Amino acid sequence: MTSAADPAAAGDRRNASDVAGVIVLAACAIWSLVTAGAHDGRPEGVLLAILAVAAGYASGRILGALLPVAAPCAGALAGLGLAVTAPHTTPGPQITSPLGHSGATAALLILSAGAACCAAWAARPLVLRFALRLLAAGIVVTAAVLGSTTGVVLCTGVLLCSLAAARMRRRALGLAGLALTTALVTGTTWAIAENVLPDGLTAALEGPLTQHRVLLWRDALHLAREYPALGAGPGRYGELGPTVTQSLLPDGKPHSAPLQQAAEQGVIGVALLAAVFCWVLYALWRTRRPTPIALTAGAALTALAVVASVGNALSFTTVTAGAGLLAGFATSRPLSEEVPELIVDTGGVPPATAFSRDAGD
């Protein structure tokens, strides 16, 4: 268990995760410039996404320290407002791909649900905690009203994971499970693109994904094989992918973040994308915030990774900034010490165990 009497060690751990984040994000920016220079690519979109994550993370750290309850609550309401008022959520025929703009809507709802649940765990009065959980439940209902099946399923998953997080004795175990989930979804996406799954399973998965999306993924894999080291260059998938050029409304995206990285930035780009996610999980493991907050944020960011694996949600600046903001909230250090007050709210687990970083640390 992390000792409150050892602030120097806790500070060293926090500094280590911060340094790791700076190194990983800087490497992502540098590599995008390298690959762009090699193949006349356009790295502006990648650089904007990196800047959004960094700015969101820094803002979350600051606001989470000053307003540990109000800041994530405001973030949840802001994300909910963006999802509801976005032009593509209005009634009418949708001619864009299913997980294009709708994927961004689902991502915003997921991040909003995660922020609301984090605010609930940070709140001490039971009435306020209950109200914030009602807000999270309301976000699930909103996803249903907007017709986002993905949002309903994943927001519900985030809410349930948040409620179950109080019973987790070891934070590392929960975070490892989230990492495994992300790896399985990414691997399945890759297997569908490679067409190596059994025919029946492939047909069942292609139904909700659409054949058009699978063709986009296969184009991305073709480019990844043709340019394995440096990729085709940031922003060049839309020029080289035959399926995109035949689309009525091409957006130049393969609708899968890992496959887009493989196609445009090669195997090193994929490794850097994975490194960013691993850094976030590492920061959540090292944070001194209560374990339920860390696991709730981890669950929301894992759900976002699932959406990004089969859609282009990370192409939207509001989503990448929101992801950084949520990670910042969960890794901030509030000016007032957080002390769990009620055993009943931790599912009967003693607070010292339920809210520690790791029972064996």
Protein backbone atom coordinates (compact mmCIF):
# COMPACT_ATOMS: atom_id res chain seq x y z
CA MET A 1 0.00 0.00 0.00
CA THR A 2 1.24 3.47 -0.77
CA SER A 3 2.32 5.22 2.38
CA ALA A 4 1.15 8.75 2.96
CA ALA A 5 4.29 9.31 5.00
CA ASP A 6 6.55 9.00 1.98
CA PRO A 7 5.79 12.05 -0.19
CA ALA A 8 9.25 12.00 -1.76
CA ALA A 9 8.75 8.52 -3.20
CA ALA A 10 5.27 9.45 -4.43
CA GLY A 11 6.69 12.56 -6.07
CA ASP A 12 9.36 10.49 -7.81
CA ARG A 13 6.74 8.12 -9.19
CA ARG A 14 4.62 11.00 -10.44
CA ASN A 15 7.64 12.68 -12.03
CA ALA A 16 8.58 9.41 -13.76
CA SER A 17 5.16 9.16 -15.40
CA ASP A 18 5.30 12.82 -16.44
CA VAL A 19 8.73 12.39 -18.01
CA ALA A 20 7.53 9.26 -19.80
CA GLY A 21 4.58 11.20 -21.21
CA VAL A 22 6.77 14.02 -22.49
CA ILE A 23 9.12 11.54 -24.16
CA VAL A 24 6.33 9.54 -25.80
CA LEU A 25 4.42 12.56 -27.11
CA ALA A 26 7.62 14.20 -28.36
CA ALA A 27 8.57 10.98 -30.13
CA CYS A 28 5.14 10.88 -31.81
CA ALA A 29 5.56 14.44 -33.06
CA ILE A 30 9.11 13.86 -34.30
CA TRP A 31 8.21 10.62 -36.06
CA SER A 32 5.27 12.25 -37.85
CA LEU A 33 7.66 14.90 -39.19
CA VAL A 34 10.19 12.25 -40.24
CA THR A 35 7.61 10.20 -42.13
CA ALA A 36 6.10 13.32 -43.68
CA GLY A 37 9.51 14.42 -44.92
CA ALA A 38 10.23 11.00 -46.40
CA HIS A 39 7.06 10.80 -48.50
CA ASP A 40 5.82 14.39 -48.81
CA GLY A 41 3.08 13.83 -46.24
CA ARG A 42 0.99 16.30 -44.29
CA PRO A 43 1.70 15.98 -40.55
CA GLU A 44 -0.52 18.86 -39.43
CA GLY A 45 -3.39 16.61 -38.37
CA VAL A 46 -1.14 14.38 -36.29
CA LEU A 47 0.59 17.35 -34.68
CA LEU A 48 -2.78 18.94 -33.85
CA ALA A 49 -3.94 15.71 -32.20
CA ILE A 50 -0.74 15.52 -30.13
CA LEU A 51 -1.11 19.16 -29.11
CA ALA A 52 -4.75 18.56 -28.13
CA VAL A 53 -3.81 15.59 -25.94
CA ALA A 54 -0.98 17.51 -24.27
CA ALA A 55 -3.09 20.63 -23.69
CA GLY A 56 -6.00 18.60 -22.38
CA TYR A 57 -3.76 16.62 -20.04
CA ALA A 58 -2.10 19.75 -18.64
CA SER A 59 -5.47 21.44 -18.16
CA GLY A 60 -6.86 18.36 -16.44
CA ARG A 61 -3.92 18.21 -14.06
CA ILE A 62 -4.34 21.86 -13.09
CA LEU A 63 -8.13 21.92 -12.85
CA GLY A 64 -8.25 18.54 -11.14
CA ALA A 65 -5.90 19.80 -8.45
CA LEU A 66 -7.90 22.97 -7.85
CA LEU A 67 -11.44 21.61 -8.31
CA PRO A 68 -11.37 17.80 -7.97
CA VAL A 69 -15.17 17.50 -8.12
CA ALA A 70 -16.34 20.55 -10.04
CA ALA A 71 -13.79 20.26 -12.86
CA PRO A 72 -14.65 16.71 -14.02
CA CYS A 73 -18.35 17.48 -13.53
CA ALA A 74 -18.03 20.53 -15.78
CA GLY A 75 -16.06 18.45 -18.27
CA ALA A 76 -18.81 15.83 -18.32
CA LEU A 77 -21.47 18.46 -18.98
CA ALA A 78 -19.35 20.11 -21.68
CA GLY A 79 -18.77 16.81 -23.45
CA LEU A 80 -22.45 15.96 -23.21
CA GLY A 81 -23.34 19.35 -24.66
CA LEU A 82 -20.93 18.91 -27.56
CA ALA A 83 -22.34 15.48 -28.34
CA VAL A 84 -25.96 16.68 -28.26
CA THR A 85 -25.50 19.92 -30.21
CA ALA A 86 -23.19 18.58 -32.92
CA PRO A 87 -24.74 19.10 -36.37
CA HIS A 88 -24.59 15.40 -37.26
CA THR A 89 -26.78 14.43 -34.30
CA THR A 90 -29.86 16.18 -35.69
CA PRO A 91 -32.63 13.99 -37.12
CA GLY A 92 -32.41 13.14 -40.80
CA PRO A 93 -30.72 10.75 -43.19
CA GLN A 94 -27.08 10.01 -42.37
CA ILE A 95 -24.94 9.44 -45.45
CA THR A 96 -21.63 9.34 -43.63
CA SER A 97 -20.14 6.05 -42.50
CA PRO A 98 -21.62 4.55 -39.30
CA LEU A 99 -18.60 5.11 -37.09
CA GLY A 100 -17.47 8.38 -38.63
CA HIS A 101 -19.19 11.33 -36.99
CA SER A 102 -21.31 8.95 -34.93
CA GLY A 103 -18.07 7.44 -33.61
CA ALA A 104 -17.02 10.88 -32.42
CA THR A 105 -20.40 11.30 -30.73
CA ALA A 106 -19.99 7.96 -28.96
CA ALA A 107 -16.46 8.94 -27.92
CA LEU A 108 -17.63 12.24 -26.41
CA LEU A 109 -20.40 10.47 -24.51
CA ILE A 110 -17.93 7.86 -23.21
CA LEU A 111 -15.53 10.53 -21.99
CA SER A 112 -18.42 12.45 -20.41
CA ALA A 113 -19.61 9.35 -18.57
CA GLY A 114 -16.08 8.68 -17.35
CA ALA A 115 -15.67 12.25 -16.12
CA ALA A 116 -19.02 12.14 -14.29
CA CYS A 117 -18.07 8.88 -12.57
CA CYS A 118 -14.66 10.29 -11.59
CA ALA A 119 -16.38 13.34 -10.12
CA ALA A 120 -18.72 11.03 -8.20
CA TRP A 121 -15.81 9.17 -6.61
CA ALA A 122 -14.09 12.45 -5.74
CA ALA A 123 -17.21 13.82 -4.03
CA ARG A 124 -17.57 13.21 -0.29
CA PRO A 125 -21.26 13.95 0.41
CA LEU A 126 -23.33 10.90 -0.48
CA VAL A 127 -26.08 13.06 -2.00
CA LEU A 128 -23.64 14.71 -4.40
CA ARG A 129 -22.05 11.37 -5.23
CA PHE A 130 -25.48 9.91 -6.03
CA ALA A 131 -26.38 12.94 -8.17
CA LEU A 132 -23.20 12.61 -10.22
CA ARG A 133 -23.88 8.94 -10.82
CA LEU A 134 -27.35 9.89 -11.98
CA LEU A 135 -25.62 12.26 -14.43
CA ALA A 136 -23.59 9.33 -15.75
CA ALA A 137 -26.77 7.27 -16.09
CA GLY A 138 -28.38 10.21 -17.88
CA ILE A 139 -25.52 10.18 -20.38
CA VAL A 140 -26.36 6.55 -21.16
CA VAL A 141 -29.98 7.56 -21.77
CA THR A 142 -28.81 10.43 -23.97
CA ALA A 143 -26.77 8.01 -26.06
CA ALA A 144 -29.91 5.93 -26.56
CA VAL A 145 -31.93 9.00 -27.57
CA LEU A 146 -29.25 9.98 -30.08
CA GLY A 147 -29.36 6.49 -31.54
CA SER A 148 -25.76 5.67 -30.65
CA THR A 149 -25.79 1.95 -29.88
CA THR A 150 -22.02 2.02 -29.43
CA GLY A 151 -22.39 4.88 -26.97
CA VAL A 152 -25.07 3.07 -24.97
CA VAL A 153 -23.06 -0.14 -24.65
CA LEU A 154 -19.72 1.46 -23.82
CA CYS A 155 -21.11 4.19 -21.52
CA THR A 156 -22.95 1.48 -19.61
CA GLY A 157 -19.71 -0.47 -19.42
CA VAL A 158 -17.87 2.55 -18.02
CA LEU A 159 -20.57 3.10 -15.39
CA LEU A 160 -20.54 -0.55 -14.32
CA CYS A 161 -16.74 -0.64 -14.20
CA SER A 162 -16.77 2.47 -12.05
CA LEU A 163 -19.21 0.92 -9.59
CA ALA A 164 -17.18 -2.30 -9.47
CA ALA A 165 -13.87 -0.47 -9.07
CA ALA A 166 -14.36 -0.06 -5.32
CA ARG A 167 -13.98 -3.82 -4.90
CA MET A 168 -10.66 -3.98 -6.75
CA ARG A 169 -7.90 -4.65 -4.21
CA ARG A 170 -5.09 -4.32 -6.74
CA ARG A 171 -5.18 -1.47 -9.22
CA ALA A 172 -2.58 -3.05 -11.48
CA LEU A 173 -4.81 -6.06 -12.11
CA GLY A 174 -7.67 -3.90 -13.31
CA LEU A 175 -5.44 -1.82 -15.57
CA ALA A 176 -3.87 -4.98 -17.00
CA GLY A 177 -7.36 -6.23 -17.86
CA LEU A 178 -8.10 -2.96 -19.66
CA ALA A 179 -4.86 -3.24 -21.63
CA LEU A 180 -5.73 -6.80 -22.61
CA THR A 181 -9.18 -5.72 -23.76
CA THR A 182 -7.68 -3.06 -26.00
CA ALA A 183 -5.17 -5.53 -27.43
CA LEU A 184 -7.93 -8.05 -28.19
CA VAL A 185 -10.09 -5.50 -30.00
CA THR A 186 -7.14 -4.19 -31.99
CA GLY A 187 -6.07 -7.72 -32.86
CA THR A 188 -9.58 -8.60 -33.99
CA THR A 189 -9.69 -5.52 -36.21
CA TRP A 190 -6.38 -6.52 -37.75
CA ALA A 191 -7.57 -10.12 -38.24
CA ILE A 192 -10.71 -8.95 -40.03
CA ALA A 193 -8.61 -6.80 -42.34
CA GLU A 194 -6.26 -9.73 -42.99
CA ASN A 195 -9.29 -12.00 -43.61
CA VAL A 196 -7.85 -14.74 -41.40
CA LEU A 197 -10.92 -15.34 -39.22
CA PRO A 198 -13.39 -18.17 -39.96
CA ASP A 199 -15.88 -17.26 -42.67
CA GLY A 200 -18.89 -17.37 -40.35
CA LEU A 201 -17.28 -15.10 -37.76
CA THR A 202 -16.03 -12.71 -40.43
CA ALA A 203 -19.51 -12.44 -41.95
CA ALA A 204 -21.07 -11.82 -38.53
CA LEU A 205 -18.59 -9.03 -37.77
CA GLU A 206 -18.74 -7.45 -41.22
CA GLY A 207 -22.49 -6.92 -40.82
CA PRO A 208 -22.34 -4.12 -38.22
CA LEU A 209 -18.97 -2.87 -39.49
CA THR A 210 -20.08 -2.74 -43.17
CA GLN A 211 -18.17 -4.15 -46.12
CA HIS A 212 -17.02 -0.65 -47.10
CA ARG A 213 -15.18 -0.21 -43.82
CA VAL A 214 -13.49 -3.59 -44.13
CA LEU A 215 -12.29 -2.64 -47.62
CA LEU A 216 -10.83 0.56 -46.17
CA TRP A 217 -8.95 -1.52 -43.61
CA ARG A 218 -7.59 -3.82 -46.29
CA ASP A 219 -6.35 -0.85 -48.29
CA ALA A 220 -4.55 0.34 -45.16
CA LEU A 221 -2.91 -3.05 -44.71
CA HIS A 222 -1.82 -3.03 -48.34
CA LEU A 223 -0.11 0.33 -47.81
CA ALA A 224 1.46 -0.93 -44.58
CA ARG A 225 3.00 -3.84 -46.47
CA GLU A 226 4.20 -1.56 -49.26
CA TYR A 227 5.76 0.97 -46.85
CA PRO A 228 6.53 -1.06 -43.70
CA ALA A 229 9.21 1.16 -42.18
CA LEU A 230 8.17 4.77 -42.74
CA GLY A 231 4.61 4.34 -43.95
CA ALA A 232 3.13 6.20 -46.91
CA GLY A 233 3.28 9.51 -45.03
CA PRO A 234 0.76 11.29 -42.77
CA GLY A 235 -2.40 12.30 -44.59
CA ARG A 236 -1.63 10.28 -47.74
CA TYR A 237 -4.00 7.36 -47.19
CA GLY A 238 -6.79 9.26 -48.93
CA GLU A 239 -4.62 9.68 -52.02
CA LEU A 240 -3.40 6.08 -52.26
CA GLY A 241 -6.36 4.03 -50.99
CA PRO A 242 -8.52 2.89 -53.96
CA THR A 243 -11.63 2.38 -51.82
CA VAL A 244 -11.50 5.99 -50.60
CA THR A 245 -11.28 7.38 -54.11
CA GLN A 246 -14.42 5.44 -55.07
CA SER A 247 -16.46 6.73 -52.10
CA LEU A 248 -19.23 9.26 -52.61
CA LEU A 249 -18.05 11.34 -49.64
CA PRO A 250 -14.43 10.36 -49.00
CA ASP A 251 -12.87 11.62 -45.78
CA GLY A 252 -9.43 10.18 -46.45
CA LYS A 253 -9.48 7.95 -43.36
CA PRO A 254 -9.36 4.15 -43.02
CA HIS A 255 -11.60 4.40 -39.93
CA SER A 256 -9.18 2.58 -37.64
CA ALA A 257 -6.47 4.40 -35.71
CA PRO A 258 -4.00 1.46 -35.56
CA LEU A 259 -4.42 0.68 -39.26
CA GLN A 260 -4.10 4.34 -40.18
CA GLN A 261 -0.86 4.53 -38.22
CA ALA A 262 0.42 1.40 -39.95
CA ALA A 263 -0.45 2.75 -43.39
CA GLU A 264 0.83 6.29 -42.91
CA GLN A 265 3.65 5.97 -40.34
CA GLY A 266 4.72 2.34 -40.53
CA VAL A 267 5.36 -0.14 -37.76
CA ILE A 268 7.09 2.49 -35.60
CA GLY A 269 3.98 4.66 -35.80
CA VAL A 270 1.88 1.76 -34.51
CA ALA A 271 4.36 1.19 -31.70
CA LEU A 272 4.21 4.87 -30.73
CA LEU A 273 0.40 4.82 -30.69
CA ALA A 274 0.52 1.80 -28.38
CA ALA A 275 3.13 3.57 -26.26
CA VAL A 276 0.80 6.54 -25.72
CA PHE A 277 -1.94 4.24 -24.42
CA CYS A 278 0.52 2.34 -22.22
CA TRP A 279 1.82 5.63 -20.82
CA VAL A 280 -1.71 6.66 -19.84
CA LEU A 281 -2.26 3.34 -18.06
CA TYR A 282 1.13 3.70 -16.36
CA ALA A 283 0.23 7.20 -15.18
CA LEU A 284 -3.08 5.90 -13.81
CA TRP A 285 -1.23 3.14 -11.98
CA ARG A 286 1.19 5.64 -10.43
CA THR A 287 -1.32 8.33 -9.54
CA ARG A 288 -2.08 8.99 -5.87
CA ARG A 289 -5.77 9.46 -6.64
CA PRO A 290 -8.08 6.76 -5.21
CA THR A 291 -8.13 3.49 -7.11
CA PRO A 292 -11.80 3.84 -8.23
CA ILE A 293 -10.95 7.14 -9.96
CA ALA A 294 -7.94 5.63 -11.72
CA LEU A 295 -9.87 2.56 -12.87
CA THR A 296 -12.89 4.61 -13.96
CA ALA A 297 -10.72 6.84 -16.12
CA GLY A 298 -8.93 3.77 -17.43
CA ALA A 299 -12.23 2.13 -18.37
CA ALA A 300 -13.41 5.24 -20.22
CA LEU A 301 -10.13 5.60 -22.12
CA THR A 302 -10.19 1.89 -22.98
CA ALA A 303 -13.72 2.30 -24.35
CA LEU A 304 -12.42 5.23 -26.41
CA ALA A 305 -9.60 3.02 -27.71
CA VAL A 306 -12.19 0.44 -28.76
CA VAL A 307 -14.12 3.07 -30.73
CA ALA A 308 -10.88 4.38 -32.26
CA SER A 309 -9.92 0.87 -33.37
CA VAL A 310 -12.99 0.64 -35.61
CA GLY A 311 -13.62 4.32 -36.38
CA ASN A 312 -12.00 7.70 -36.88
CA ALA A 313 -12.92 9.24 -33.53
CA LEU A 314 -9.33 10.36 -32.91
CA SER A 315 -9.54 12.55 -36.01
CA PHE A 316 -11.71 14.98 -34.01
CA THR A 317 -9.82 17.50 -31.87
CA THR A 318 -12.59 17.62 -29.27
CA VAL A 319 -12.15 13.88 -28.69
CA THR A 320 -8.36 13.93 -28.36
CA ALA A 321 -8.49 16.98 -26.10
CA GLY A 322 -11.21 15.34 -24.01
CA ALA A 323 -9.15 12.18 -23.63
CA GLY A 324 -6.20 14.20 -22.38
CA LEU A 325 -8.46 16.16 -20.04
CA LEU A 326 -9.90 13.00 -18.46
CA ALA A 327 -6.43 11.50 -18.02
CA GLY A 328 -5.32 14.75 -16.41
CA PHE A 329 -8.25 14.74 -13.98
CA ALA A 330 -7.44 11.19 -12.90
CA THR A 331 -3.72 11.82 -12.41
CA SER A 332 -3.93 15.23 -10.73
CA ARG A 333 -3.13 15.77 -7.08
CA PRO A 334 -5.90 17.72 -5.31
CA LEU A 335 -4.72 20.40 -2.92
CA SER A 336 -6.95 18.90 -0.23
CA GLU A 337 -6.14 15.29 0.69
CA GLU A 338 -8.78 12.76 -0.40
CA VAL A 339 -9.90 10.56 2.47
CA PRO A 340 -12.56 7.87 1.94
CA GLU A 341 -15.30 8.30 4.48
CA LEU A 342 -17.78 5.45 4.18
CA ILE A 343 -17.09 1.74 3.96
CA VAL A 344 -20.61 1.16 2.63
CA ASP A 345 -19.76 3.06 -0.55
CA THR A 346 -16.79 0.77 -1.24
CA GLY A 347 -18.94 -2.34 -1.28
CA GLY A 348 -17.83 -3.43 2.18
CA VAL A 349 -14.12 -3.29 1.36
CA PRO A 350 -12.10 -1.37 3.95
CA PRO A 351 -11.31 2.11 2.60
CA ALA A 352 -7.57 1.74 3.08
CA THR A 353 -7.64 -1.22 0.71
CA ALA A 354 -10.23 -0.03 -1.77
CA PHE A 355 -8.67 3.36 -2.32
CA SER A 356 -4.98 2.51 -2.22
CA ARG A 357 -2.82 2.40 -5.34
CA ASP A 358 -1.97 -1.27 -4.82
CA ALA A 359 -2.52 -3.38 -1.76
CA GLY A 360 0.84 -5.02 -2.24
CA ASP A 361 2.84 -1.88 -2.94
